[in-house]
mmCIF file of all heavy atoms, coordinates in Angstrom:
data_MODEL
# 
_entry.id   MODEL 
# 
loop_
_atom_site.group_PDB 
_atom_site.id 
_atom_site.type_symbol 
_atom_site.label_atom_id 
_atom_site.label_alt_id 
_atom_site.label_comp_id 
_atom_site.label_asym_id 
_atom_site.label_entity_id 
_atom_site.label_seq_id 
_atom_site.pdbx_PDB_ins_code 
_atom_site.Cartn_x 
_atom_site.Cartn_y 
_atom_site.Cartn_z 
_atom_site.occupancy 
_atom_site.B_iso_or_equiv 
_atom_site.pdbx_formal_charge 
_atom_site.auth_seq_id 
_atom_site.auth_comp_id 
_atom_site.auth_asym_id 
_atom_site.auth_atom_id 
_atom_site.pdbx_PDB_model_num 
ATOM 1   N N   . ARG A 1 1  ? 8.478  33.697 74.865 1.00 0.00 ? 1  ARG A N   1 
ATOM 2   C CA  . ARG A 1 1  ? 8.549  35.111 74.471 1.00 0.00 ? 1  ARG A CA  1 
ATOM 3   C C   . ARG A 1 1  ? 9.943  35.675 74.713 1.00 0.00 ? 1  ARG A C   1 
ATOM 4   O O   . ARG A 1 1  ? 10.483 36.407 73.863 1.00 0.00 ? 1  ARG A O   1 
ATOM 5   C CB  . ARG A 1 1  ? 7.504  35.905 75.244 1.00 0.00 ? 1  ARG A CB  1 
ATOM 6   C CG  . ARG A 1 1  ? 6.065  35.589 74.879 1.00 0.00 ? 1  ARG A CG  1 
ATOM 7   C CD  . ARG A 1 1  ? 5.081  36.124 75.869 1.00 0.00 ? 1  ARG A CD  1 
ATOM 8   N NE  . ARG A 1 1  ? 5.219  37.559 76.075 1.00 0.00 ? 1  ARG A NE  1 
ATOM 9   C CZ  . ARG A 1 1  ? 4.735  38.232 77.111 1.00 0.00 ? 1  ARG A CZ  1 
ATOM 10  N NH1 . ARG A 1 1  ? 4.129  37.582 78.070 1.00 0.00 ? 1  ARG A NH1 1 
ATOM 11  N NH2 . ARG A 1 1  ? 4.916  39.550 77.185 1.00 0.00 ? 1  ARG A NH2 1 
ATOM 12  N N   . ILE A 1 2  ? 10.514 35.370 75.855 1.00 0.00 ? 2  ILE A N   1 
ATOM 13  C CA  . ILE A 1 2  ? 11.861 35.859 76.200 1.00 0.00 ? 2  ILE A CA  1 
ATOM 14  C C   . ILE A 1 2  ? 12.867 35.313 75.186 1.00 0.00 ? 2  ILE A C   1 
ATOM 15  O O   . ILE A 1 2  ? 13.713 36.067 74.659 1.00 0.00 ? 2  ILE A O   1 
ATOM 16  C CB  . ILE A 1 2  ? 12.234 35.449 77.654 1.00 0.00 ? 2  ILE A CB  1 
ATOM 17  C CG1 . ILE A 1 2  ? 11.382 36.211 78.636 1.00 0.00 ? 2  ILE A CG1 1 
ATOM 18  C CG2 . ILE A 1 2  ? 13.732 35.727 77.900 1.00 0.00 ? 2  ILE A CG2 1 
ATOM 19  C CD1 . ILE A 1 2  ? 11.568 35.753 80.065 1.00 0.00 ? 2  ILE A CD1 1 
ATOM 20  N N   . GLN A 1 3  ? 12.730 34.057 74.919 1.00 0.00 ? 3  GLN A N   1 
ATOM 21  C CA  . GLN A 1 3  ? 13.645 33.418 73.924 1.00 0.00 ? 3  GLN A CA  1 
ATOM 22  C C   . GLN A 1 3  ? 13.549 34.041 72.536 1.00 0.00 ? 3  GLN A C   1 
ATOM 23  O O   . GLN A 1 3  ? 14.568 34.333 71.932 1.00 0.00 ? 3  GLN A O   1 
ATOM 24  C CB  . GLN A 1 3  ? 13.297 31.919 73.795 1.00 0.00 ? 3  GLN A CB  1 
ATOM 25  C CG  . GLN A 1 3  ? 14.127 31.124 72.810 1.00 0.00 ? 3  GLN A CG  1 
ATOM 26  C CD  . GLN A 1 3  ? 13.662 29.665 72.643 1.00 0.00 ? 3  GLN A CD  1 
ATOM 27  O OE1 . GLN A 1 3  ? 13.129 29.104 73.640 1.00 0.00 ? 3  GLN A OE1 1 
ATOM 28  N NE2 . GLN A 1 3  ? 13.808 29.119 71.513 1.00 0.00 ? 3  GLN A NE2 1 
ATOM 29  N N   . ARG A 1 4  ? 12.368 34.375 72.091 1.00 0.00 ? 4  ARG A N   1 
ATOM 30  C CA  . ARG A 1 4  ? 12.180 35.026 70.797 1.00 0.00 ? 4  ARG A CA  1 
ATOM 31  C C   . ARG A 1 4  ? 12.806 36.408 70.756 1.00 0.00 ? 4  ARG A C   1 
ATOM 32  O O   . ARG A 1 4  ? 13.445 36.782 69.764 1.00 0.00 ? 4  ARG A O   1 
ATOM 33  C CB  . ARG A 1 4  ? 10.656 35.109 70.495 1.00 0.00 ? 4  ARG A CB  1 
ATOM 34  C CG  . ARG A 1 4  ? 10.031 33.789 70.095 1.00 0.00 ? 4  ARG A CG  1 
ATOM 35  C CD  . ARG A 1 4  ? 8.530  33.970 70.003 1.00 0.00 ? 4  ARG A CD  1 
ATOM 36  N NE  . ARG A 1 4  ? 7.834  32.747 69.637 1.00 0.00 ? 4  ARG A NE  1 
ATOM 37  C CZ  . ARG A 1 4  ? 6.533  32.518 69.805 1.00 0.00 ? 4  ARG A CZ  1 
ATOM 38  N NH1 . ARG A 1 4  ? 5.787  33.475 70.379 1.00 0.00 ? 4  ARG A NH1 1 
ATOM 39  N NH2 . ARG A 1 4  ? 5.970  31.357 69.506 1.00 0.00 ? 4  ARG A NH2 1 
ATOM 40  N N   . VAL A 1 5  ? 12.552 37.196 71.821 1.00 0.00 ? 5  VAL A N   1 
ATOM 41  C CA  . VAL A 1 5  ? 13.086 38.540 71.821 1.00 0.00 ? 5  VAL A CA  1 
ATOM 42  C C   . VAL A 1 5  ? 14.607 38.543 71.832 1.00 0.00 ? 5  VAL A C   1 
ATOM 43  O O   . VAL A 1 5  ? 15.277 39.367 71.183 1.00 0.00 ? 5  VAL A O   1 
ATOM 44  C CB  . VAL A 1 5  ? 12.568 39.334 73.046 1.00 0.00 ? 5  VAL A CB  1 
ATOM 45  C CG1 . VAL A 1 5  ? 13.126 40.752 73.058 1.00 0.00 ? 5  VAL A CG1 1 
ATOM 46  C CG2 . VAL A 1 5  ? 10.989 39.434 72.952 1.00 0.00 ? 5  VAL A CG2 1 
ATOM 47  N N   . LEU A 1 6  ? 15.204 37.633 72.597 1.00 0.00 ? 6  LEU A N   1 
ATOM 48  C CA  . LEU A 1 6  ? 16.641 37.563 72.676 1.00 0.00 ? 6  LEU A CA  1 
ATOM 49  C C   . LEU A 1 6  ? 17.238 37.176 71.283 1.00 0.00 ? 6  LEU A C   1 
ATOM 50  O O   . LEU A 1 6  ? 18.356 37.692 70.929 1.00 0.00 ? 6  LEU A O   1 
ATOM 51  C CB  . LEU A 1 6  ? 17.119 36.545 73.743 1.00 0.00 ? 6  LEU A CB  1 
ATOM 52  C CG  . LEU A 1 6  ? 16.797 36.947 75.226 1.00 0.00 ? 6  LEU A CG  1 
ATOM 53  C CD1 . LEU A 1 6  ? 17.205 35.819 76.148 1.00 0.00 ? 6  LEU A CD1 1 
ATOM 54  C CD2 . LEU A 1 6  ? 17.576 38.228 75.573 1.00 0.00 ? 6  LEU A CD2 1 
ATOM 55  N N   . GLN A 1 7  ? 16.559 36.371 70.574 1.00 0.00 ? 7  GLN A N   1 
ATOM 56  C CA  . GLN A 1 7  ? 17.038 35.991 69.214 1.00 0.00 ? 7  GLN A CA  1 
ATOM 57  C C   . GLN A 1 7  ? 16.811 37.145 68.216 1.00 0.00 ? 7  GLN A C   1 
ATOM 58  O O   . GLN A 1 7  ? 17.656 37.383 67.379 1.00 0.00 ? 7  GLN A O   1 
ATOM 59  C CB  . GLN A 1 7  ? 16.277 34.740 68.723 1.00 0.00 ? 7  GLN A CB  1 
ATOM 60  C CG  . GLN A 1 7  ? 16.626 33.462 69.456 1.00 0.00 ? 7  GLN A CG  1 
ATOM 61  C CD  . GLN A 1 7  ? 15.802 32.260 69.043 1.00 0.00 ? 7  GLN A CD  1 
ATOM 62  O OE1 . GLN A 1 7  ? 14.746 32.424 68.398 1.00 0.00 ? 7  GLN A OE1 1 
ATOM 63  N NE2 . GLN A 1 7  ? 16.236 31.074 69.399 1.00 0.00 ? 7  GLN A NE2 1 
ATOM 64  N N   . ARG A 1 8  ? 15.728 37.837 68.430 1.00 0.00 ? 8  ARG A N   1 
ATOM 65  C CA  . ARG A 1 8  ? 15.394 38.973 67.492 1.00 0.00 ? 8  ARG A CA  1 
ATOM 66  C C   . ARG A 1 8  ? 16.208 40.236 67.767 1.00 0.00 ? 8  ARG A C   1 
ATOM 67  O O   . ARG A 1 8  ? 16.626 40.913 66.874 1.00 0.00 ? 8  ARG A O   1 
ATOM 68  C CB  . ARG A 1 8  ? 13.878 39.288 67.668 1.00 0.00 ? 8  ARG A CB  1 
ATOM 69  C CG  . ARG A 1 8  ? 13.350 40.372 66.744 1.00 0.00 ? 8  ARG A CG  1 
ATOM 70  C CD  . ARG A 1 8  ? 11.933 40.781 67.165 1.00 0.00 ? 8  ARG A CD  1 
ATOM 71  N NE  . ARG A 1 8  ? 11.958 41.502 68.422 1.00 0.00 ? 8  ARG A NE  1 
ATOM 72  C CZ  . ARG A 1 8  ? 10.819 41.758 69.124 1.00 0.00 ? 8  ARG A CZ  1 
ATOM 73  N NH1 . ARG A 1 8  ? 9.658  41.293 68.710 1.00 0.00 ? 8  ARG A NH1 1 
ATOM 74  N NH2 . ARG A 1 8  ? 10.861 42.472 70.245 1.00 0.00 ? 8  ARG A NH2 1 
ATOM 75  N N   . ASP A 1 9  ? 16.423 40.527 69.089 1.00 0.00 ? 9  ASP A N   1 
ATOM 76  C CA  . ASP A 1 9  ? 17.112 41.741 69.472 1.00 0.00 ? 9  ASP A CA  1 
ATOM 77  C C   . ASP A 1 9  ? 18.397 41.374 70.294 1.00 0.00 ? 9  ASP A C   1 
ATOM 78  O O   . ASP A 1 9  ? 18.361 41.362 71.507 1.00 0.00 ? 9  ASP A O   1 
ATOM 79  C CB  . ASP A 1 9  ? 16.191 42.616 70.376 1.00 0.00 ? 9  ASP A CB  1 
ATOM 80  C CG  . ASP A 1 9  ? 14.890 42.933 69.670 1.00 0.00 ? 9  ASP A CG  1 
ATOM 81  O OD1 . ASP A 1 9  ? 14.866 42.976 68.438 1.00 0.00 ? 9  ASP A OD1 1 
ATOM 82  O OD2 . ASP A 1 9  ? 13.883 43.191 70.374 1.00 0.00 ? 9  ASP A OD2 1 
ATOM 83  N N   . PRO A 1 10 ? 19.474 41.080 69.581 1.00 0.00 ? 10 PRO A N   1 
ATOM 84  C CA  . PRO A 1 10 ? 20.738 40.640 70.291 1.00 0.00 ? 10 PRO A CA  1 
ATOM 85  C C   . PRO A 1 10 ? 21.278 41.704 71.172 1.00 0.00 ? 10 PRO A C   1 
ATOM 86  O O   . PRO A 1 10 ? 22.085 41.420 72.047 1.00 0.00 ? 10 PRO A O   1 
ATOM 87  C CB  . PRO A 1 10 ? 21.680 40.301 69.100 1.00 0.00 ? 10 PRO A CB  1 
ATOM 88  C CG  . PRO A 1 10 ? 21.098 41.024 67.922 1.00 0.00 ? 10 PRO A CG  1 
ATOM 89  C CD  . PRO A 1 10 ? 19.638 41.045 68.150 1.00 0.00 ? 10 PRO A CD  1 
ATOM 90  N N   . GLN A 1 11 ? 20.839 42.955 71.030 1.00 0.00 ? 11 GLN A N   1 
ATOM 91  C CA  . GLN A 1 11 ? 21.379 44.054 71.872 1.00 0.00 ? 11 GLN A CA  1 
ATOM 92  C C   . GLN A 1 11 ? 20.736 44.040 73.255 1.00 0.00 ? 11 GLN A C   1 
ATOM 93  O O   . GLN A 1 11 ? 21.247 44.665 74.182 1.00 0.00 ? 11 GLN A O   1 
ATOM 94  C CB  . GLN A 1 11 ? 21.150 45.434 71.229 1.00 0.00 ? 11 GLN A CB  1 
ATOM 95  C CG  . GLN A 1 11 ? 19.692 45.933 71.284 1.00 0.00 ? 11 GLN A CG  1 
ATOM 96  C CD  . GLN A 1 11 ? 18.785 45.384 70.200 1.00 0.00 ? 11 GLN A CD  1 
ATOM 97  O OE1 . GLN A 1 11 ? 19.163 44.435 69.485 1.00 0.00 ? 11 GLN A OE1 1 
ATOM 98  N NE2 . GLN A 1 11 ? 17.611 45.969 70.067 1.00 0.00 ? 11 GLN A NE2 1 
ATOM 99  N N   . ARG A 1 12 ? 19.681 43.225 73.428 1.00 0.00 ? 12 ARG A N   1 
ATOM 100 C CA  . ARG A 1 12 ? 19.041 43.135 74.733 1.00 0.00 ? 12 ARG A CA  1 
ATOM 101 C C   . ARG A 1 12 ? 19.476 41.894 75.475 1.00 0.00 ? 12 ARG A C   1 
ATOM 102 O O   . ARG A 1 12 ? 19.801 40.861 74.889 1.00 0.00 ? 12 ARG A O   1 
ATOM 103 C CB  . ARG A 1 12 ? 17.531 43.063 74.588 1.00 0.00 ? 12 ARG A CB  1 
ATOM 104 C CG  . ARG A 1 12 ? 16.860 44.373 74.132 1.00 0.00 ? 12 ARG A CG  1 
ATOM 105 C CD  . ARG A 1 12 ? 15.337 44.254 74.250 1.00 0.00 ? 12 ARG A CD  1 
ATOM 106 N NE  . ARG A 1 12 ? 14.714 45.560 74.052 1.00 0.00 ? 12 ARG A NE  1 
ATOM 107 C CZ  . ARG A 1 12 ? 13.795 45.814 73.160 1.00 0.00 ? 12 ARG A CZ  1 
ATOM 108 N NH1 . ARG A 1 12 ? 13.384 44.921 72.327 1.00 0.00 ? 12 ARG A NH1 1 
ATOM 109 N NH2 . ARG A 1 12 ? 13.216 47.039 73.106 1.00 0.00 ? 12 ARG A NH2 1 
ATOM 110 N N   . ASP A 1 13 ? 19.490 41.954 76.801 1.00 0.00 ? 13 ASP A N   1 
ATOM 111 C CA  . ASP A 1 13 ? 19.801 40.770 77.617 1.00 0.00 ? 13 ASP A CA  1 
ATOM 112 C C   . ASP A 1 13 ? 18.523 40.318 78.310 1.00 0.00 ? 13 ASP A C   1 
ATOM 113 O O   . ASP A 1 13 ? 17.489 41.001 78.277 1.00 0.00 ? 13 ASP A O   1 
ATOM 114 C CB  . ASP A 1 13 ? 20.946 41.046 78.625 1.00 0.00 ? 13 ASP A CB  1 
ATOM 115 C CG  . ASP A 1 13 ? 20.607 42.190 79.608 1.00 0.00 ? 13 ASP A CG  1 
ATOM 116 O OD1 . ASP A 1 13 ? 19.416 42.384 79.942 1.00 0.00 ? 13 ASP A OD1 1 
ATOM 117 O OD2 . ASP A 1 13 ? 21.564 42.902 80.027 1.00 0.00 ? 13 ASP A OD2 1 
ATOM 118 N N   . ARG A 1 14 ? 18.588 39.183 78.941 1.00 0.00 ? 14 ARG A N   1 
ATOM 119 C CA  . ARG A 1 14 ? 17.363 38.587 79.541 1.00 0.00 ? 14 ARG A CA  1 
ATOM 120 C C   . ARG A 1 14 ? 16.733 39.518 80.601 1.00 0.00 ? 14 ARG A C   1 
ATOM 121 O O   . ARG A 1 14 ? 15.517 39.663 80.693 1.00 0.00 ? 14 ARG A O   1 
ATOM 122 C CB  . ARG A 1 14 ? 17.736 37.258 80.215 1.00 0.00 ? 14 ARG A CB  1 
ATOM 123 C CG  . ARG A 1 14 ? 16.570 36.535 80.911 1.00 0.00 ? 14 ARG A CG  1 
ATOM 124 C CD  . ARG A 1 14 ? 16.978 35.200 81.377 1.00 0.00 ? 14 ARG A CD  1 
ATOM 125 N NE  . ARG A 1 14 ? 17.211 34.287 80.275 1.00 0.00 ? 14 ARG A NE  1 
ATOM 126 C CZ  . ARG A 1 14 ? 16.290 33.520 79.707 1.00 0.00 ? 14 ARG A CZ  1 
ATOM 127 N NH1 . ARG A 1 14 ? 15.017 33.585 80.170 1.00 0.00 ? 14 ARG A NH1 1 
ATOM 128 N NH2 . ARG A 1 14 ? 16.578 32.723 78.729 1.00 0.00 ? 14 ARG A NH2 1 
ATOM 129 N N   . LYS A 1 15 ? 17.614 40.177 81.355 1.00 0.00 ? 15 LYS A N   1 
ATOM 130 C CA  . LYS A 1 15 ? 17.045 41.048 82.414 1.00 0.00 ? 15 LYS A CA  1 
ATOM 131 C C   . LYS A 1 15 ? 16.225 42.209 81.864 1.00 0.00 ? 15 LYS A C   1 
ATOM 132 O O   . LYS A 1 15 ? 15.172 42.558 82.314 1.00 0.00 ? 15 LYS A O   1 
ATOM 133 C CB  . LYS A 1 15 ? 18.214 41.630 83.249 1.00 0.00 ? 15 LYS A CB  1 
ATOM 134 C CG  . LYS A 1 15 ? 17.760 42.488 84.434 1.00 0.00 ? 15 LYS A CG  1 
ATOM 135 C CD  . LYS A 1 15 ? 18.945 43.022 85.241 1.00 0.00 ? 15 LYS A CD  1 
ATOM 136 C CE  . LYS A 1 15 ? 18.457 43.892 86.378 1.00 0.00 ? 15 LYS A CE  1 
ATOM 137 N NZ  . LYS A 1 15 ? 19.624 44.422 87.163 1.00 0.00 ? 15 LYS A NZ  1 
ATOM 138 N N   . GLN A 1 16 ? 16.779 42.761 80.711 1.00 0.00 ? 16 GLN A N   1 
ATOM 139 C CA  . GLN A 1 16 ? 16.021 43.855 80.069 1.00 0.00 ? 16 GLN A CA  1 
ATOM 140 C C   . GLN A 1 16 ? 14.668 43.404 79.518 1.00 0.00 ? 16 GLN A C   1 
ATOM 141 O O   . GLN A 1 16 ? 13.659 44.119 79.698 1.00 0.00 ? 16 GLN A O   1 
ATOM 142 C CB  . GLN A 1 16 ? 16.867 44.443 78.941 1.00 0.00 ? 16 GLN A CB  1 
ATOM 143 C CG  . GLN A 1 16 ? 18.089 45.190 79.352 1.00 0.00 ? 16 GLN A CG  1 
ATOM 144 C CD  . GLN A 1 16 ? 18.955 45.648 78.171 1.00 0.00 ? 16 GLN A CD  1 
ATOM 145 O OE1 . GLN A 1 16 ? 19.119 44.853 77.242 1.00 0.00 ? 16 GLN A OE1 1 
ATOM 146 N NE2 . GLN A 1 16 ? 19.525 46.802 78.210 1.00 0.00 ? 16 GLN A NE2 1 
ATOM 147 N N   . VAL A 1 17 ? 14.639 42.220 78.947 1.00 0.00 ? 17 VAL A N   1 
ATOM 148 C CA  . VAL A 1 17 ? 13.364 41.706 78.390 1.00 0.00 ? 17 VAL A CA  1 
ATOM 149 C C   . VAL A 1 17 ? 12.393 41.462 79.550 1.00 0.00 ? 17 VAL A C   1 
ATOM 150 O O   . VAL A 1 17 ? 11.218 41.771 79.415 1.00 0.00 ? 17 VAL A O   1 
ATOM 151 C CB  . VAL A 1 17 ? 13.654 40.419 77.602 1.00 0.00 ? 17 VAL A CB  1 
ATOM 152 C CG1 . VAL A 1 17 ? 12.291 39.894 77.078 1.00 0.00 ? 17 VAL A CG1 1 
ATOM 153 C CG2 . VAL A 1 17 ? 14.581 40.684 76.425 1.00 0.00 ? 17 VAL A CG2 1 
ATOM 154 N N   . GLU A 1 18 ? 12.892 40.885 80.603 1.00 0.00 ? 18 GLU A N   1 
ATOM 155 C CA  . GLU A 1 18 ? 11.979 40.600 81.772 1.00 0.00 ? 18 GLU A CA  1 
ATOM 156 C C   . GLU A 1 18 ? 11.450 41.943 82.351 1.00 0.00 ? 18 GLU A C   1 
ATOM 157 O O   . GLU A 1 18 ? 10.271 41.971 82.783 1.00 0.00 ? 18 GLU A O   1 
ATOM 158 C CB  . GLU A 1 18 ? 12.725 39.849 82.846 1.00 0.00 ? 18 GLU A CB  1 
ATOM 159 C CG  . GLU A 1 18 ? 13.006 38.364 82.391 1.00 0.00 ? 18 GLU A CG  1 
ATOM 160 C CD  . GLU A 1 18 ? 13.747 37.563 83.427 1.00 0.00 ? 18 GLU A CD  1 
ATOM 161 O OE1 . GLU A 1 18 ? 14.374 38.204 84.298 1.00 0.00 ? 18 GLU A OE1 1 
ATOM 162 O OE2 . GLU A 1 18 ? 13.699 36.312 83.371 1.00 0.00 ? 18 GLU A OE2 1 
ATOM 163 N N   . GLN A 1 19 ? 12.246 42.967 82.332 1.00 0.00 ? 19 GLN A N   1 
ATOM 164 C CA  . GLN A 1 19 ? 11.785 44.270 82.834 1.00 0.00 ? 19 GLN A CA  1 
ATOM 165 C C   . GLN A 1 19 ? 10.671 44.804 81.970 1.00 0.00 ? 19 GLN A C   1 
ATOM 166 O O   . GLN A 1 19 ? 9.707  45.421 82.470 1.00 0.00 ? 19 GLN A O   1 
ATOM 167 C CB  . GLN A 1 19 ? 12.954 45.271 82.911 1.00 0.00 ? 19 GLN A CB  1 
ATOM 168 C CG  . GLN A 1 19 ? 13.940 44.999 84.022 1.00 0.00 ? 19 GLN A CG  1 
ATOM 169 C CD  . GLN A 1 19 ? 15.132 45.917 84.005 1.00 0.00 ? 19 GLN A CD  1 
ATOM 170 O OE1 . GLN A 1 19 ? 15.451 46.483 82.983 1.00 0.00 ? 19 GLN A OE1 1 
ATOM 171 N NE2 . GLN A 1 19 ? 15.783 46.068 85.148 1.00 0.00 ? 19 GLN A NE2 1 
ATOM 172 N N   . ILE A 1 20 ? 10.798 44.666 80.662 1.00 0.00 ? 20 ILE A N   1 
ATOM 173 C CA  . ILE A 1 20 ? 9.744  45.105 79.710 1.00 0.00 ? 20 ILE A CA  1 
ATOM 174 C C   . ILE A 1 20 ? 8.468  44.337 79.963 1.00 0.00 ? 20 ILE A C   1 
ATOM 175 O O   . ILE A 1 20 ? 7.387  44.919 80.044 1.00 0.00 ? 20 ILE A O   1 
ATOM 176 C CB  . ILE A 1 20 ? 10.216 44.934 78.246 1.00 0.00 ? 20 ILE A CB  1 
ATOM 177 C CG1 . ILE A 1 20 ? 11.385 45.856 77.938 1.00 0.00 ? 20 ILE A CG1 1 
ATOM 178 C CG2 . ILE A 1 20 ? 9.017  45.191 77.303 1.00 0.00 ? 20 ILE A CG2 1 
ATOM 179 C CD1 . ILE A 1 20 ? 11.999 45.616 76.608 1.00 0.00 ? 20 ILE A CD1 1 
ATOM 180 N N   . ILE A 1 21 ? 8.575  43.051 80.154 1.00 0.00 ? 21 ILE A N   1 
ATOM 181 C CA  . ILE A 1 21 ? 7.374  42.198 80.417 1.00 0.00 ? 21 ILE A CA  1 
ATOM 182 C C   . ILE A 1 21 ? 6.692  42.604 81.696 1.00 0.00 ? 21 ILE A C   1 
ATOM 183 O O   . ILE A 1 21 ? 5.456  42.644 81.785 1.00 0.00 ? 21 ILE A O   1 
ATOM 184 C CB  . ILE A 1 21 ? 7.833  40.691 80.412 1.00 0.00 ? 21 ILE A CB  1 
ATOM 185 C CG1 . ILE A 1 21 ? 8.175  40.227 79.012 1.00 0.00 ? 21 ILE A CG1 1 
ATOM 186 C CG2 . ILE A 1 21 ? 6.662  39.852 80.985 1.00 0.00 ? 21 ILE A CG2 1 
ATOM 187 C CD1 . ILE A 1 21 ? 8.690  38.837 78.970 1.00 0.00 ? 21 ILE A CD1 1 
ATOM 188 N N   . GLN A 1 22 ? 7.501  42.913 82.711 1.00 0.00 ? 22 GLN A N   1 
ATOM 189 C CA  . GLN A 1 22 ? 6.936  43.302 84.016 1.00 0.00 ? 22 GLN A CA  1 
ATOM 190 C C   . GLN A 1 22 ? 6.141  44.589 83.936 1.00 0.00 ? 22 GLN A C   1 
ATOM 191 O O   . GLN A 1 22 ? 5.181  44.831 84.674 1.00 0.00 ? 22 GLN A O   1 
ATOM 192 C CB  . GLN A 1 22 ? 8.065  43.448 85.049 1.00 0.00 ? 22 GLN A CB  1 
ATOM 193 C CG  . GLN A 1 22 ? 8.653  42.092 85.534 1.00 0.00 ? 22 GLN A CG  1 
ATOM 194 C CD  . GLN A 1 22 ? 9.883  42.303 86.355 1.00 0.00 ? 22 GLN A CD  1 
ATOM 195 O OE1 . GLN A 1 22 ? 10.327 43.394 86.692 1.00 0.00 ? 22 GLN A OE1 1 
ATOM 196 N NE2 . GLN A 1 22 ? 10.508 41.153 86.750 1.00 0.00 ? 22 GLN A NE2 1 
ATOM 197 N N   . LYS A 1 23 ? 6.531  45.478 82.959 1.00 0.00 ? 23 LYS A N   1 
ATOM 198 C CA  . LYS A 1 23 ? 5.836  46.740 82.855 1.00 0.00 ? 23 LYS A CA  1 
ATOM 199 C C   . LYS A 1 23 ? 4.524  46.590 82.083 1.00 0.00 ? 23 LYS A C   1 
ATOM 200 O O   . LYS A 1 23 ? 3.690  47.480 82.119 1.00 0.00 ? 23 LYS A O   1 
ATOM 201 C CB  . LYS A 1 23 ? 6.742  47.757 82.121 1.00 0.00 ? 23 LYS A CB  1 
ATOM 202 C CG  . LYS A 1 23 ? 7.899  48.226 82.962 1.00 0.00 ? 23 LYS A CG  1 
ATOM 203 C CD  . LYS A 1 23 ? 8.754  49.205 82.235 1.00 0.00 ? 23 LYS A CD  1 
ATOM 204 C CE  . LYS A 1 23 ? 9.960  49.664 83.050 1.00 0.00 ? 23 LYS A CE  1 
ATOM 205 N NZ  . LYS A 1 23 ? 10.844 50.602 82.301 1.00 0.00 ? 23 LYS A NZ  1 
ATOM 206 N N   . GLN A 1 24 ? 4.371  45.500 81.388 1.00 0.00 ? 24 GLN A N   1 
ATOM 207 C CA  . GLN A 1 24 ? 3.140  45.260 80.599 1.00 0.00 ? 24 GLN A CA  1 
ATOM 208 C C   . GLN A 1 24 ? 2.170  44.542 81.487 1.00 0.00 ? 24 GLN A C   1 
ATOM 209 O O   . GLN A 1 24 ? 2.488  43.853 82.427 1.00 0.00 ? 24 GLN A O   1 
ATOM 210 C CB  . GLN A 1 24 ? 3.440  44.437 79.348 1.00 0.00 ? 24 GLN A CB  1 
ATOM 211 C CG  . GLN A 1 24 ? 4.348  45.162 78.373 1.00 0.00 ? 24 GLN A CG  1 
ATOM 212 C CD  . GLN A 1 24 ? 4.709  44.310 77.147 1.00 0.00 ? 24 GLN A CD  1 
ATOM 213 O OE1 . GLN A 1 24 ? 4.618  43.105 77.168 1.00 0.00 ? 24 GLN A OE1 1 
ATOM 214 N NE2 . GLN A 1 24 ? 5.050  44.988 76.030 1.00 0.00 ? 24 GLN A NE2 1 
ATOM 215 N N   . LEU A 1 25 ? 0.873  44.711 81.126 1.00 0.00 ? 25 LEU A N   1 
ATOM 216 C CA  . LEU A 1 25 ? -0.208 44.070 81.883 1.00 0.00 ? 25 LEU A CA  1 
ATOM 217 C C   . LEU A 1 25 ? -0.060 42.536 81.840 1.00 0.00 ? 25 LEU A C   1 
ATOM 218 O O   . LEU A 1 25 ? 0.206  41.989 80.770 1.00 0.00 ? 25 LEU A O   1 
ATOM 219 C CB  . LEU A 1 25 ? -1.526 44.457 81.323 1.00 0.00 ? 25 LEU A CB  1 
ATOM 220 C CG  . LEU A 1 25 ? -2.803 44.251 82.163 1.00 0.00 ? 25 LEU A CG  1 
ATOM 221 C CD1 . LEU A 1 25 ? -2.770 45.173 83.380 1.00 0.00 ? 25 LEU A CD1 1 
ATOM 222 C CD2 . LEU A 1 25 ? -4.042 44.548 81.338 1.00 0.00 ? 25 LEU A CD2 1 
ATOM 223 N N   . PRO A 1 26 ? -0.169 41.834 82.954 1.00 0.00 ? 26 PRO A N   1 
ATOM 224 C CA  . PRO A 1 26 ? -0.041 40.390 82.946 1.00 0.00 ? 26 PRO A CA  1 
ATOM 225 C C   . PRO A 1 26 ? -1.035 39.732 82.008 1.00 0.00 ? 26 PRO A C   1 
ATOM 226 O O   . PRO A 1 26 ? -2.175 40.188 81.901 1.00 0.00 ? 26 PRO A O   1 
ATOM 227 C CB  . PRO A 1 26 ? -0.285 39.992 84.406 1.00 0.00 ? 26 PRO A CB  1 
ATOM 228 C CG  . PRO A 1 26 ? -0.008 41.180 85.202 1.00 0.00 ? 26 PRO A CG  1 
ATOM 229 C CD  . PRO A 1 26 ? -0.403 42.340 84.327 1.00 0.00 ? 26 PRO A CD  1 
ATOM 230 N N   . GLU A 1 27 ? -0.652 38.588 81.400 1.00 0.00 ? 27 GLU A N   1 
ATOM 231 C CA  . GLU A 1 27 ? -1.546 37.942 80.455 1.00 0.00 ? 27 GLU A CA  1 
ATOM 232 C C   . GLU A 1 27 ? -2.829 37.471 81.119 1.00 0.00 ? 27 GLU A C   1 
ATOM 233 O O   . GLU A 1 27 ? -3.894 37.468 80.484 1.00 0.00 ? 27 GLU A O   1 
ATOM 234 C CB  . GLU A 1 27 ? -0.781 36.683 79.914 1.00 0.00 ? 27 GLU A CB  1 
ATOM 235 C CG  . GLU A 1 27 ? 0.490  36.991 79.142 1.00 0.00 ? 27 GLU A CG  1 
ATOM 236 C CD  . GLU A 1 27 ? 0.249  37.866 77.935 1.00 0.00 ? 27 GLU A CD  1 
ATOM 237 O OE1 . GLU A 1 27 ? -0.181 37.310 76.918 1.00 0.00 ? 27 GLU A OE1 1 
ATOM 238 O OE2 . GLU A 1 27 ? 0.484  39.046 78.014 1.00 0.00 ? 27 GLU A OE2 1 
# 
């Protein structure tokens, strides 16, 4: 998921994506 988002949204970095994931309910 992180890999996909980084490819899709180049303006985001790994830390930002991980922060978004942390705010969402765990799978």
